[in-house]
Amino acid sequence: MKTHMRARLSFALLVLLLAAFAVWNIGLGSVAVTAGELLKVLTGRGENPTMSRIIWDIRLPRMMAAAILGGALSVSGFLLQTFFANPIAGPFVLGISSGAKLVVSLVMVFLLGKGIVMGSGGMILAAFAGSMISMGFILLISHKVKMMSMLVICGVMIGYICSAVTDFVVTFADDADIVNLHNWSMGSFSGMSWDNVKMMAAVTAVCMLAVFLMSKPIGAYQLGEVYAQSMGVNIRRFRAALISGPAFCPPA
C-alpha cells in the first residue's frame, strides 16, 4: 500500500513539475510572458494579437514537441534496457540515434541538393530506417557476442562509426545543408509548427499504445526468459516488438 502511495505521489509531483517548467519555458524569450498573460491567451481573453501569435504559433508548438519527444526518448530507453537487461542501454549508447542521424543526413543532403525540402514524414521514415540498420548490425553481432556488456560496447562502436560517416558527409555538403544538419542533429525545436506536433503525437501515441499493451509480457520478461516462456510469451516476436519501438522514436 505504501509503495502505491509513493508511486502516486511521485507521479503527481512530476506532473506539477512538468506544468511549472512548461509555464516557465513559454515565459522565457526575447518577449517575456507572465503567467497571467499566458492564462488569458489560452482562455481566449488575450487582447494583444502579437502576444497570442507568439504563444500559439511559436512557443506552444516548441514546448509540446519537446514534451512529446522527451517522453518518447524515455520509453525507448526503457524498452532497450529491458531487451538488453542492462541499465545503461539506450538509443545514444547503442548507436541507434547515430544511425538515424546518418540516414537523415544522407537523405537531407541529397534532397536539398535537388532543391527538395524534406517534410516531417520523410524525416521520420529516414530516421526509422537508420535506426533499424544500426539495430540490425547489433543483432548480427549478438550471434557472436553472448555477453550483454560486450554487446553494449559494440553498440557504442557502431554509434561512433555512424557519427564519423555523418561528419564526412557534412564535410562535402553545401553550407546551407550543413546549417540544416547541425540544427537537426542538435535537437533544435526552432520552426516547429502544429503540423509537426501532430505528426510527432501520432507516431508517439501508436508506440505508447503498443508498449501499454505489452506491459504484462514486459513484466514477465524482466523476471527471466524462462519465466516469460512459461507464461506463454513468444520470445522471438516479443524481442522484435521491443526493438521496433525504440527505432520509431529515436532522438536527434
C-alpha atoms as a PDB file:
ATOM      1  CA  MET A   1       0.000   0.000   0.000  1.00  0.00           C
ATOM      2  CA  LYS A   2       2.833   2.369   0.883  1.00  0.00           C
ATOM      3  CA  THR A   3       4.555   1.587  -2.408  1.00  0.00           C
ATOM      4  CA  HIS A   4       1.440   2.501  -4.399  1.00  0.00           C
ATOM      5  CA  MET A   5       1.046   5.706  -2.407  1.00  0.00           C
ATOM      6  CA  ARG A   6       4.655   6.686  -3.061  1.00  0.00           C
ATOM      7  CA  ALA A   7       4.229   5.995  -6.768  1.00  0.00           C
ATOM      8  CA  ARG A   8       1.108   8.166  -6.928  1.00  0.00           C
ATOM      9  CA  LEU A   9       2.755  10.997  -5.008  1.00  0.00           C
ATOM     10  CA  SER A  10       5.832  10.801  -7.222  1.00  0.00           C
ATOM     11  CA  PHE A  11       3.689  10.869 -10.361  1.00  0.00           C
ATOM     12  CA  ALA A  12       1.680  13.845  -9.056  1.00  0.00           C
ATOM     13  CA  LEU A  13       4.916  15.687  -8.213  1.00  0.00           C
ATOM     14  CA  LEU A  14       6.298  15.033 -11.704  1.00  0.00           C
ATOM     15  CA  VAL A  15       3.084  16.331 -13.291  1.00  0.00           C
ATOM     16  CA  LEU A  16       3.296  19.529 -11.217  1.00  0.00           C
ATOM     17  CA  LEU A  17       6.954  19.982 -12.153  1.00  0.00           C
ATOM     18  CA  LEU A  18       6.108  19.445 -15.836  1.00  0.00           C
ATOM     19  CA  ALA A  19       3.384  22.100 -15.657  1.00  0.00           C
ATOM     20  CA  ALA A  20       5.688  24.535 -13.843  1.00  0.00           C
ATOM     21  CA  PHE A  21       8.530  24.051 -16.338  1.00  0.00           C
ATOM     22  CA  ALA A  22       6.088  24.361 -19.260  1.00  0.00           C
ATOM     23  CA  VAL A  23       4.874  27.750 -17.999  1.00  0.00           C
ATOM     24  CA  TRP A  24       8.465  28.816 -17.330  1.00  0.00           C
ATOM     25  CA  ASN A  25       9.550  27.714 -20.803  1.00  0.00           C
ATOM     26  CA  ILE A  26       6.757  29.631 -22.515  1.00  0.00           C
ATOM     27  CA  GLY A  27       7.515  32.733 -20.462  1.00  0.00           C
ATOM     28  CA  LEU A  28      11.207  32.831 -21.404  1.00  0.00           C
ATOM     29  CA  GLY A  29      12.466  34.581 -24.513  1.00  0.00           C
ATOM     30  CA  SER A  30      13.056  37.969 -26.064  1.00  0.00           C
ATOM     31  CA  VAL A  31       9.433  38.801 -25.204  1.00  0.00           C
ATOM     32  CA  ALA A  32       8.611  37.980 -21.579  1.00  0.00           C
ATOM     33  CA  VAL A  33       5.239  36.311 -20.965  1.00  0.00           C
ATOM     34  CA  THR A  34       3.757  36.310 -17.490  1.00  0.00           C
ATOM     35  CA  ALA A  35       1.563  33.524 -16.141  1.00  0.00           C
ATOM     36  CA  GLY A  36      -1.434  35.862 -16.191  1.00  0.00           C
ATOM     37  CA  GLU A  37      -0.904  36.758 -19.861  1.00  0.00           C
ATOM     38  CA  LEU A  38      -0.480  33.083 -20.731  1.00  0.00           C
ATOM     39  CA  LEU A  39      -3.748  32.214 -18.964  1.00  0.00           C
ATOM     40  CA  LYS A  40      -5.604  34.976 -20.815  1.00  0.00           C
ATOM     41  CA  VAL A  41      -4.321  33.817 -24.203  1.00  0.00           C
ATOM     42  CA  LEU A  42      -5.131  30.147 -23.505  1.00  0.00           C
ATOM     43  CA  THR A  43      -8.667  31.029 -22.390  1.00  0.00           C
ATOM     44  CA  GLY A  44      -9.266  33.286 -25.406  1.00  0.00           C
ATOM     45  CA  ARG A  45      -9.293  36.533 -23.450  1.00  0.00           C
ATOM     46  CA  GLY A  46      -5.999  37.855 -24.802  1.00  0.00           C
ATOM     47  CA  GLU A  47      -6.260  41.378 -26.244  1.00  0.00           C
ATOM     48  CA  ASN A  48      -2.769  41.526 -27.781  1.00  0.00           C
ATOM     49  CA  PRO A  49      -2.709  39.689 -31.147  1.00  0.00           C
ATOM     50  CA  THR A  50       1.102  39.724 -31.248  1.00  0.00           C
ATOM     51  CA  MET A  51       1.302  38.049 -27.845  1.00  0.00           C
ATOM     52  CA  SER A  52      -1.283  35.466 -28.919  1.00  0.00           C
ATOM     53  CA  ARG A  53       0.727  34.658 -32.034  1.00  0.00           C
ATOM     54  CA  ILE A  54       3.954  34.325 -30.057  1.00  0.00           C
ATOM     55  CA  ILE A  55       2.342  31.872 -27.658  1.00  0.00           C
ATOM     56  CA  TRP A  56       0.136  29.843 -30.023  1.00  0.00           C
ATOM     57  CA  ASP A  57       2.304  29.742 -33.142  1.00  0.00           C
ATOM     58  CA  ILE A  58       5.851  29.748 -31.746  1.00  0.00           C
ATOM     59  CA  ARG A  59       6.278  28.775 -28.101  1.00  0.00           C
ATOM     60  CA  LEU A  60       3.475  26.276 -27.517  1.00  0.00           C
ATOM     61  CA  PRO A  61       4.439  24.060 -30.505  1.00  0.00           C
ATOM     62  CA  ARG A  62       8.061  24.032 -29.323  1.00  0.00           C
ATOM     63  CA  MET A  63       7.077  23.130 -25.776  1.00  0.00           C
ATOM     64  CA  MET A  64       4.677  20.384 -26.903  1.00  0.00           C
ATOM     65  CA  ALA A  65       7.287  18.928 -29.276  1.00  0.00           C
ATOM     66  CA  ALA A  66       9.906  18.824 -26.518  1.00  0.00           C
ATOM     67  CA  ALA A  67       7.471  17.138 -24.111  1.00  0.00           C
ATOM     68  CA  ILE A  68       6.325  14.535 -26.655  1.00  0.00           C
ATOM     69  CA  LEU A  69       9.813  13.626 -27.861  1.00  0.00           C
ATOM     70  CA  GLY A  70      11.154  13.608 -24.300  1.00  0.00           C
ATOM     71  CA  GLY A  71       8.511  11.057 -23.364  1.00  0.00           C
ATOM     72  CA  ALA A  72       9.327   9.000 -26.463  1.00  0.00           C
ATOM     73  CA  LEU A  73      13.020   9.041 -25.522  1.00  0.00           C
ATOM     74  CA  SER A  74      12.294   7.755 -22.010  1.00  0.00           C
ATOM     75  CA  VAL A  75      10.098   4.918 -23.317  1.00  0.00           C
ATOM     76  CA  SER A  76      12.662   3.883 -25.947  1.00  0.00           C
ATOM     77  CA  GLY A  77      15.361   3.782 -23.255  1.00  0.00           C
ATOM     78  CA  PHE A  78      13.136   1.611 -21.050  1.00  0.00           C
ATOM     79  CA  LEU A  79      12.488  -0.855 -23.889  1.00  0.00           C
ATOM     80  CA  LEU A  80      16.179  -1.133 -24.720  1.00  0.00           C
ATOM     81  CA  GLN A  81      17.090  -1.636 -21.062  1.00  0.00           C
ATOM     82  CA  THR A  82      14.504  -4.418 -20.910  1.00  0.00           C
ATOM     83  CA  PHE A  83      15.780  -6.055 -24.097  1.00  0.00           C
ATOM     84  CA  PHE A  84      19.478  -5.996 -23.157  1.00  0.00           C
ATOM     85  CA  ALA A  85      18.908  -6.411 -19.396  1.00  0.00           C
ATOM     86  CA  ASN A  86      21.348  -3.537 -18.916  1.00  0.00           C
ATOM     87  CA  PRO A  87      20.515  -0.282 -17.073  1.00  0.00           C
ATOM     88  CA  ILE A  88      22.833   1.826 -19.259  1.00  0.00           C
ATOM     89  CA  ALA A  89      21.365   0.693 -22.592  1.00  0.00           C
ATOM     90  CA  GLY A  90      19.733   3.493 -24.559  1.00  0.00           C
ATOM     91  CA  PRO A  91      19.338   4.996 -28.038  1.00  0.00           C
ATOM     92  CA  PHE A  92      22.510   7.068 -27.682  1.00  0.00           C
ATOM     93  CA  VAL A  93      24.630   4.335 -26.099  1.00  0.00           C
ATOM     94  CA  LEU A  94      23.689   1.661 -28.652  1.00  0.00           C
ATOM     95  CA  GLY A  95      24.196   3.878 -31.685  1.00  0.00           C
ATOM     96  CA  ILE A  96      20.520   3.999 -32.667  1.00  0.00           C
ATOM     97  CA  SER A  97      20.438   7.793 -32.639  1.00  0.00           C
ATOM     98  CA  SER A  98      23.684   7.949 -34.630  1.00  0.00           C
ATOM     99  CA  GLY A  99      22.272   5.589 -37.248  1.00  0.00           C
ATOM    100  CA  ALA A 100      19.142   7.704 -37.536  1.00  0.00           C
ATOM    101  CA  LYS A 101      21.238  10.848 -37.877  1.00  0.00           C
ATOM    102  CA  LEU A 102      23.389   9.264 -40.592  1.00  0.00           C
ATOM    103  CA  VAL A 103      20.490   8.250 -42.846  1.00  0.00           C
ATOM    104  CA  VAL A 104      18.626  11.523 -42.293  1.00  0.00           C
ATOM    105  CA  SER A 105      21.779  13.484 -43.156  1.00  0.00           C
ATOM    106  CA  LEU A 106      22.315  11.492 -46.351  1.00  0.00           C
ATOM    107  CA  VAL A 107      18.700  11.898 -47.472  1.00  0.00           C
ATOM    108  CA  MET A 108      18.582  15.559 -46.440  1.00  0.00           C
ATOM    109  CA  VAL A 109      21.771  16.473 -48.322  1.00  0.00           C
ATOM    110  CA  PHE A 110      20.620  14.555 -51.410  1.00  0.00           C
ATOM    111  CA  LEU A 111      17.176  16.168 -51.486  1.00  0.00           C
ATOM    112  CA  LEU A 112      18.415  19.663 -50.683  1.00  0.00           C
ATOM    113  CA  GLY A 113      20.942  19.334 -53.480  1.00  0.00           C
ATOM    114  CA  LYS A 114      17.985  18.887 -55.819  1.00  0.00           C
ATOM    115  CA  GLY A 115      16.024  21.740 -54.262  1.00  0.00           C
ATOM    116  CA  ILE A 116      13.584  19.469 -52.383  1.00  0.00           C
ATOM    117  CA  VAL A 117      12.769  20.173 -48.721  1.00  0.00           C
ATOM    118  CA  MET A 118      12.204  17.106 -46.572  1.00  0.00           C
ATOM    119  CA  GLY A 119       8.991  17.080 -44.536  1.00  0.00           C
ATOM    120  CA  SER A 120       8.334  15.579 -41.106  1.00  0.00           C
ATOM    121  CA  GLY A 121       7.075  12.300 -42.560  1.00  0.00           C
ATOM    122  CA  GLY A 122      10.193  11.858 -44.664  1.00  0.00           C
ATOM    123  CA  MET A 123      12.470  12.582 -41.714  1.00  0.00           C
ATOM    124  CA  ILE A 124      10.611  10.050 -39.563  1.00  0.00           C
ATOM    125  CA  LEU A 125      10.919   7.359 -42.238  1.00  0.00           C
ATOM    126  CA  ALA A 126      14.606   8.128 -42.797  1.00  0.00           C
ATOM    127  CA  ALA A 127      15.315   8.113 -39.056  1.00  0.00           C
ATOM    128  CA  PHE A 128      13.443   4.817 -38.640  1.00  0.00           C
ATOM    129  CA  ALA A 129      15.425   3.243 -41.483  1.00  0.00           C
ATOM    130  CA  GLY A 130      18.720   4.387 -39.971  1.00  0.00           C
ATOM    131  CA  SER A 131      17.708   3.144 -36.542  1.00  0.00           C
ATOM    132  CA  MET A 132      16.783  -0.284 -37.875  1.00  0.00           C
ATOM    133  CA  ILE A 133      20.070  -0.518 -39.794  1.00  0.00           C
ATOM    134  CA  SER A 134      22.062   0.211 -36.624  1.00  0.00           C
ATOM    135  CA  MET A 135      19.976  -2.214 -34.594  1.00  0.00           C
ATOM    136  CA  GLY A 136      20.350  -4.838 -37.321  1.00  0.00           C
ATOM    137  CA  PHE A 137      24.135  -4.658 -37.004  1.00  0.00           C
ATOM    138  CA  ILE A 138      23.834  -5.013 -33.238  1.00  0.00           C
ATOM    139  CA  LEU A 139      21.603  -8.078 -33.606  1.00  0.00           C
ATOM    140  CA  LEU A 140      24.050  -9.641 -36.076  1.00  0.00           C
ATOM    141  CA  ILE A 141      26.871  -9.082 -33.601  1.00  0.00           C
ATOM    142  CA  SER A 142      24.742 -10.590 -30.828  1.00  0.00           C
ATOM    143  CA  HIS A 143      25.030 -14.011 -32.527  1.00  0.00           C
ATOM    144  CA  LYS A 144      28.799 -13.866 -31.966  1.00  0.00           C
ATOM    145  CA  VAL A 145      28.937 -11.966 -28.679  1.00  0.00           C
ATOM    146  CA  LYS A 146      26.992 -13.517 -25.832  1.00  0.00           C
ATOM    147  CA  MET A 147      27.909 -11.076 -23.063  1.00  0.00           C
ATOM    148  CA  MET A 148      25.455  -8.177 -22.828  1.00  0.00           C
ATOM    149  CA  SER A 149      28.186  -5.809 -21.624  1.00  0.00           C
ATOM    150  CA  MET A 150      30.264  -6.501 -24.736  1.00  0.00           C
ATOM    151  CA  LEU A 151      27.163  -6.077 -26.887  1.00  0.00           C
ATOM    152  CA  VAL A 152      26.618  -2.611 -25.441  1.00  0.00           C
ATOM    153  CA  ILE A 153      30.248  -1.757 -26.235  1.00  0.00           C
ATOM    154  CA  CYS A 154      29.687  -2.919 -29.820  1.00  0.00           C
ATOM    155  CA  GLY A 155      26.703  -0.586 -29.969  1.00  0.00           C
ATOM    156  CA  VAL A 156      28.900   2.295 -28.848  1.00  0.00           C
ATOM    157  CA  MET A 157      31.399   1.425 -31.594  1.00  0.00           C
ATOM    158  CA  ILE A 158      28.620   1.407 -34.213  1.00  0.00           C
ATOM    159  CA  GLY A 159      27.496   4.805 -32.948  1.00  0.00           C
ATOM    160  CA  TYR A 160      30.982   6.251 -33.391  1.00  0.00           C
ATOM    161  CA  ILE A 161      31.250   4.789 -36.901  1.00  0.00           C
ATOM    162  CA  CYS A 162      27.910   6.343 -37.902  1.00  0.00           C
ATOM    163  CA  SER A 163      28.968   9.682 -36.415  1.00  0.00           C
ATOM    164  CA  ALA A 164      32.245   9.565 -38.346  1.00  0.00           C
ATOM    165  CA  VAL A 165      30.450   8.876 -41.632  1.00  0.00           C
ATOM    166  CA  THR A 166      27.986  11.688 -40.881  1.00  0.00           C
ATOM    167  CA  ASP A 167      30.856  14.128 -40.272  1.00  0.00           C
ATOM    168  CA  PHE A 168      32.413  13.002 -43.568  1.00  0.00           C
ATOM    169  CA  VAL A 169      29.135  13.734 -45.393  1.00  0.00           C
ATOM    170  CA  VAL A 170      28.863  17.142 -43.730  1.00  0.00           C
ATOM    171  CA  THR A 171      32.412  17.994 -44.803  1.00  0.00           C
ATOM    172  CA  PHE A 172      31.465  17.762 -48.501  1.00  0.00           C
ATOM    173  CA  ALA A 173      27.969  19.266 -48.155  1.00  0.00           C
ATOM    174  CA  ASP A 174      26.991  22.805 -49.122  1.00  0.00           C
ATOM    175  CA  ASP A 175      26.984  25.473 -46.433  1.00  0.00           C
ATOM    176  CA  ALA A 176      23.174  25.670 -46.297  1.00  0.00           C
ATOM    177  CA  ASP A 177      22.939  21.905 -45.920  1.00  0.00           C
ATOM    178  CA  ILE A 178      25.458  21.963 -43.069  1.00  0.00           C
ATOM    179  CA  VAL A 179      23.378  24.524 -41.165  1.00  0.00           C
ATOM    180  CA  ASN A 180      20.236  22.398 -41.520  1.00  0.00           C
ATOM    181  CA  LEU A 181      22.067  19.240 -40.488  1.00  0.00           C
ATOM    182  CA  HIS A 182      23.636  20.954 -37.494  1.00  0.00           C
ATOM    183  CA  ASN A 183      20.315  22.319 -36.258  1.00  0.00           C
ATOM    184  CA  TRP A 184      18.596  18.956 -36.693  1.00  0.00           C
ATOM    185  CA  SER A 185      21.367  16.936 -35.057  1.00  0.00           C
ATOM    186  CA  MET A 186      21.488  19.261 -32.040  1.00  0.00           C
ATOM    187  CA  GLY A 187      17.802  18.648 -31.445  1.00  0.00           C
ATOM    188  CA  SER A 188      16.662  22.164 -32.325  1.00  0.00           C
ATOM    189  CA  PHE A 189      12.926  22.814 -31.977  1.00  0.00           C
ATOM    190  CA  SER A 190      13.040  26.094 -33.885  1.00  0.00           C
ATOM    191  CA  GLY A 191      10.455  26.364 -36.623  1.00  0.00           C
ATOM    192  CA  MET A 192       8.138  23.821 -35.017  1.00  0.00           C
ATOM    193  CA  SER A 193       4.538  24.073 -36.188  1.00  0.00           C
ATOM    194  CA  TRP A 194       1.323  22.410 -35.097  1.00  0.00           C
ATOM    195  CA  ASP A 195       1.555  20.116 -38.123  1.00  0.00           C
ATOM    196  CA  ASN A 196       4.925  18.861 -36.826  1.00  0.00           C
ATOM    197  CA  VAL A 197       3.444  18.361 -33.368  1.00  0.00           C
ATOM    198  CA  LYS A 198       0.516  16.379 -34.804  1.00  0.00           C
ATOM    199  CA  MET A 199       2.904  14.112 -36.697  1.00  0.00           C
ATOM    200  CA  MET A 200       5.053  13.532 -33.594  1.00  0.00           C
ATOM    201  CA  ALA A 201       1.997  12.928 -31.415  1.00  0.00           C
ATOM    202  CA  ALA A 202       0.530  10.397 -33.862  1.00  0.00           C
ATOM    203  CA  VAL A 203       3.713   8.324 -34.130  1.00  0.00           C
ATOM    204  CA  THR A 204       4.423   8.503 -30.402  1.00  0.00           C
ATOM    205  CA  ALA A 205       0.822   7.628 -29.484  1.00  0.00           C
ATOM    206  CA  VAL A 206       0.957   4.446 -31.585  1.00  0.00           C
ATOM    207  CA  CYS A 207       4.221   3.416 -29.891  1.00  0.00           C
ATOM    208  CA  MET A 208       2.886   4.235 -26.422  1.00  0.00           C
ATOM    209  CA  LEU A 209      -0.248   2.184 -27.050  1.00  0.00           C
ATOM    210  CA  ALA A 210       1.844  -0.755 -28.240  1.00  0.00           C
ATOM    211  CA  VAL A 211       4.053  -0.548 -25.147  1.00  0.00           C
ATOM    212  CA  PHE A 212       0.988  -0.357 -22.894  1.00  0.00           C
ATOM    213  CA  LEU A 213      -0.450  -3.497 -24.496  1.00  0.00           C
ATOM    214  CA  MET A 214       2.913  -5.239 -23.934  1.00  0.00           C
ATOM    215  CA  SER A 215       3.087  -4.276 -20.252  1.00  0.00           C
ATOM    216  CA  LYS A 216       2.360  -7.792 -18.978  1.00  0.00           C
ATOM    217  CA  PRO A 217       4.835  -9.561 -21.307  1.00  0.00           C
ATOM    218  CA  ILE A 218       7.444  -6.928 -20.384  1.00  0.00           C
ATOM    219  CA  GLY A 219       6.907  -7.640 -16.682  1.00  0.00           C
ATOM    220  CA  ALA A 220       7.254 -11.368 -17.300  1.00  0.00           C
ATOM    221  CA  TYR A 221      10.360 -10.897 -19.456  1.00  0.00           C
ATOM    222  CA  GLN A 222      12.039  -8.825 -16.742  1.00  0.00           C
ATOM    223  CA  LEU A 223      11.787 -11.869 -14.456  1.00  0.00           C
ATOM    224  CA  GLY A 224      13.690 -14.004 -16.969  1.00  0.00           C
ATOM    225  CA  GLU A 225      13.188 -15.608 -20.366  1.00  0.00           C
ATOM    226  CA  VAL A 226      12.316 -18.994 -18.866  1.00  0.00           C
ATOM    227  CA  TYR A 227       9.594 -17.447 -16.731  1.00  0.00           C
ATOM    228  CA  ALA A 228       8.268 -15.461 -19.713  1.00  0.00           C
ATOM    229  CA  GLN A 229       8.108 -18.603 -21.860  1.00  0.00           C
ATOM    230  CA  SER A 230       6.263 -20.429 -19.087  1.00  0.00           C
ATOM    231  CA  MET A 231       3.699 -17.589 -19.114  1.00  0.00           C
ATOM    232  CA  GLY A 232       3.114 -18.107 -22.844  1.00  0.00           C
ATOM    233  CA  VAL A 233       5.261 -15.247 -24.193  1.00  0.00           C
ATOM    234  CA  ASN A 234       6.656 -15.805 -27.681  1.00  0.00           C
ATOM    235  CA  ILE A 235      10.218 -14.651 -27.035  1.00  0.00           C
ATOM    236  CA  ARG A 236      11.173 -14.117 -30.693  1.00  0.00           C
ATOM    237  CA  ARG A 237       8.137 -11.976 -31.506  1.00  0.00           C
ATOM    238  CA  PHE A 238       8.406 -10.149 -28.215  1.00  0.00           C
ATOM    239  CA  ARG A 239      12.044  -9.202 -28.866  1.00  0.00           C
ATOM    240  CA  ALA A 240      11.151  -7.962 -32.356  1.00  0.00           C
ATOM    241  CA  ALA A 241       8.443  -5.765 -30.833  1.00  0.00           C
ATOM    242  CA  LEU A 242      10.868  -4.404 -28.228  1.00  0.00           C
ATOM    243  CA  ILE A 243      13.365  -3.471 -30.925  1.00  0.00           C
ATOM    244  CA  SER A 244      10.789  -1.833 -33.211  1.00  0.00           C
ATOM    245  CA  GLY A 245       9.568   0.555 -30.515  1.00  0.00           C
ATOM    246  CA  PRO A 246      12.853   2.449 -29.873  1.00  0.00           C
ATOM    247  CA  ALA A 247      13.564   2.632 -33.591  1.00  0.00           C
ATOM    248  CA  PHE A 248      10.320   4.504 -34.205  1.00  0.00           C
ATOM    249  CA  CYS A 249      11.208   7.305 -31.791  1.00  0.00           C
ATOM    250  CA  PRO A 250      14.917   7.991 -31.792  1.00  0.00           C
ATOM    251  CA  PRO A 251      16.020  11.415 -30.735  1.00  0.00           C
ATOM    252  CA  ALA A 252      18.075  13.598 -32.956  1.00  0.00           C
END
